[in-house]
Amino acid sequence: MDRRNHCRIEEGLTRQLLSIRAGDVVFRGTVHHGAAFTGGFRGGAGNENRVGVLFLNPGYLPRSARGDLYVRLADDLARHGCLVFRFDLSGLGESDGELPDNVLPFFVKVQNGGYASEASLLVGEIVREYGLGGMVLAGICGGAVTSLFTAPKCIPGIVRGLVLLDPTFKTFSAQLPPRAPKSGVARVWSDALARIQGTSTGIRAKIVRTSAGERMSVAYALVKKAARTLLSNKLPANTNMALIRCWQDQAGGSLPLLVFNADSEARRLDEYDYSGYLLKNSGDNITWINIEETNHSFLEGKAPEILQETITHWMSTQFPPKR
């Protein structure tokens, strides 16, 4: 492991650039630690009871995340005694590797768990180098997806928790599988929904600018959502079933999961609500928090402050410092 550019950010807070070889890839990242960090690196004397946090790339974005959100969260965790890592996976940011020319193959790789094997090697190497007692995996969007897929691939017991920010449970694909023929009732609702969609799309742009138009737009979306619900109780055709199964395996055990959902009126009306399905058979190890009126990057509204306070409190509760 190469340690470079040791940078003191403020009294009791330090960031340091790292490069770690795990498997065939040299991963480059940053470690954040506060005044409470006194252990060594090789062998990590004094860290055996400590649980680190590893942030994984949010999609194809670098390890800082949009708006430097990961940096902010990592600094706050470090101030409270956590050892926090932000690493670029292969082909992303500063790490070795190549990316496909088109973004769609990258999304497909992420949704299929294509980064899980190398991420598990990286987790193992960090834990070994720092002598940690385990690691919490964290990430936004694709980083959350990779965290879920990575956990079962790691050495048993090494992953101590997951922090998932707006994980995406739908797949990105050029084509969806063909739908099965609809029965009589479903066909009636489907035809009605098609007529609603076909006749209203052209006039929505004209009516949403007025308060009455906004109410009509919301009513339209509610009818659309109700029709989808009545059509079938099954998950949408573009659901990532491999990720759903991975969620069920983790949620059905004892691994603590902290999940944040970026909640807005537009998303509530237009997207399938996976939370009801995912939490139906989940245990007490799941904490699910909806943050209202923010965006997918958690930069709007009070989302950054809520994340910072909640994640730090969750870490201190789940993994209290041991003297």
Foldseek 3Di string as FASTA:
>chain_A
DDWDDWADPDAFKIKIWDWDDFDNKIKIKIKIAGNLQDFDFALQPPAQQAAAEEEEDAQQAAQCFPPSLNVVLRRLLRNVGHIYMGIYADCHDPMHHNDDPDSQVSQQCLLVLVRQQVVQRVLVRRCNRNVHNAYEQEYFASSQSNSLSNVVVHDPRRHQAYEYEAYDFFGDDPDFPDDDDADDVLVVLVVVLVVLCVVCPVCLVVQCVDPVSVVVVLVSLQSNVVSVVVNDVDDDRRGSVVSLVSLCVCQADQRAYEYEHADESVCVSHDDDCPCVSCVNGDPSYHYYYDYDADSSLPPDCRSVCCSVVVSVVCCVSRPDDD
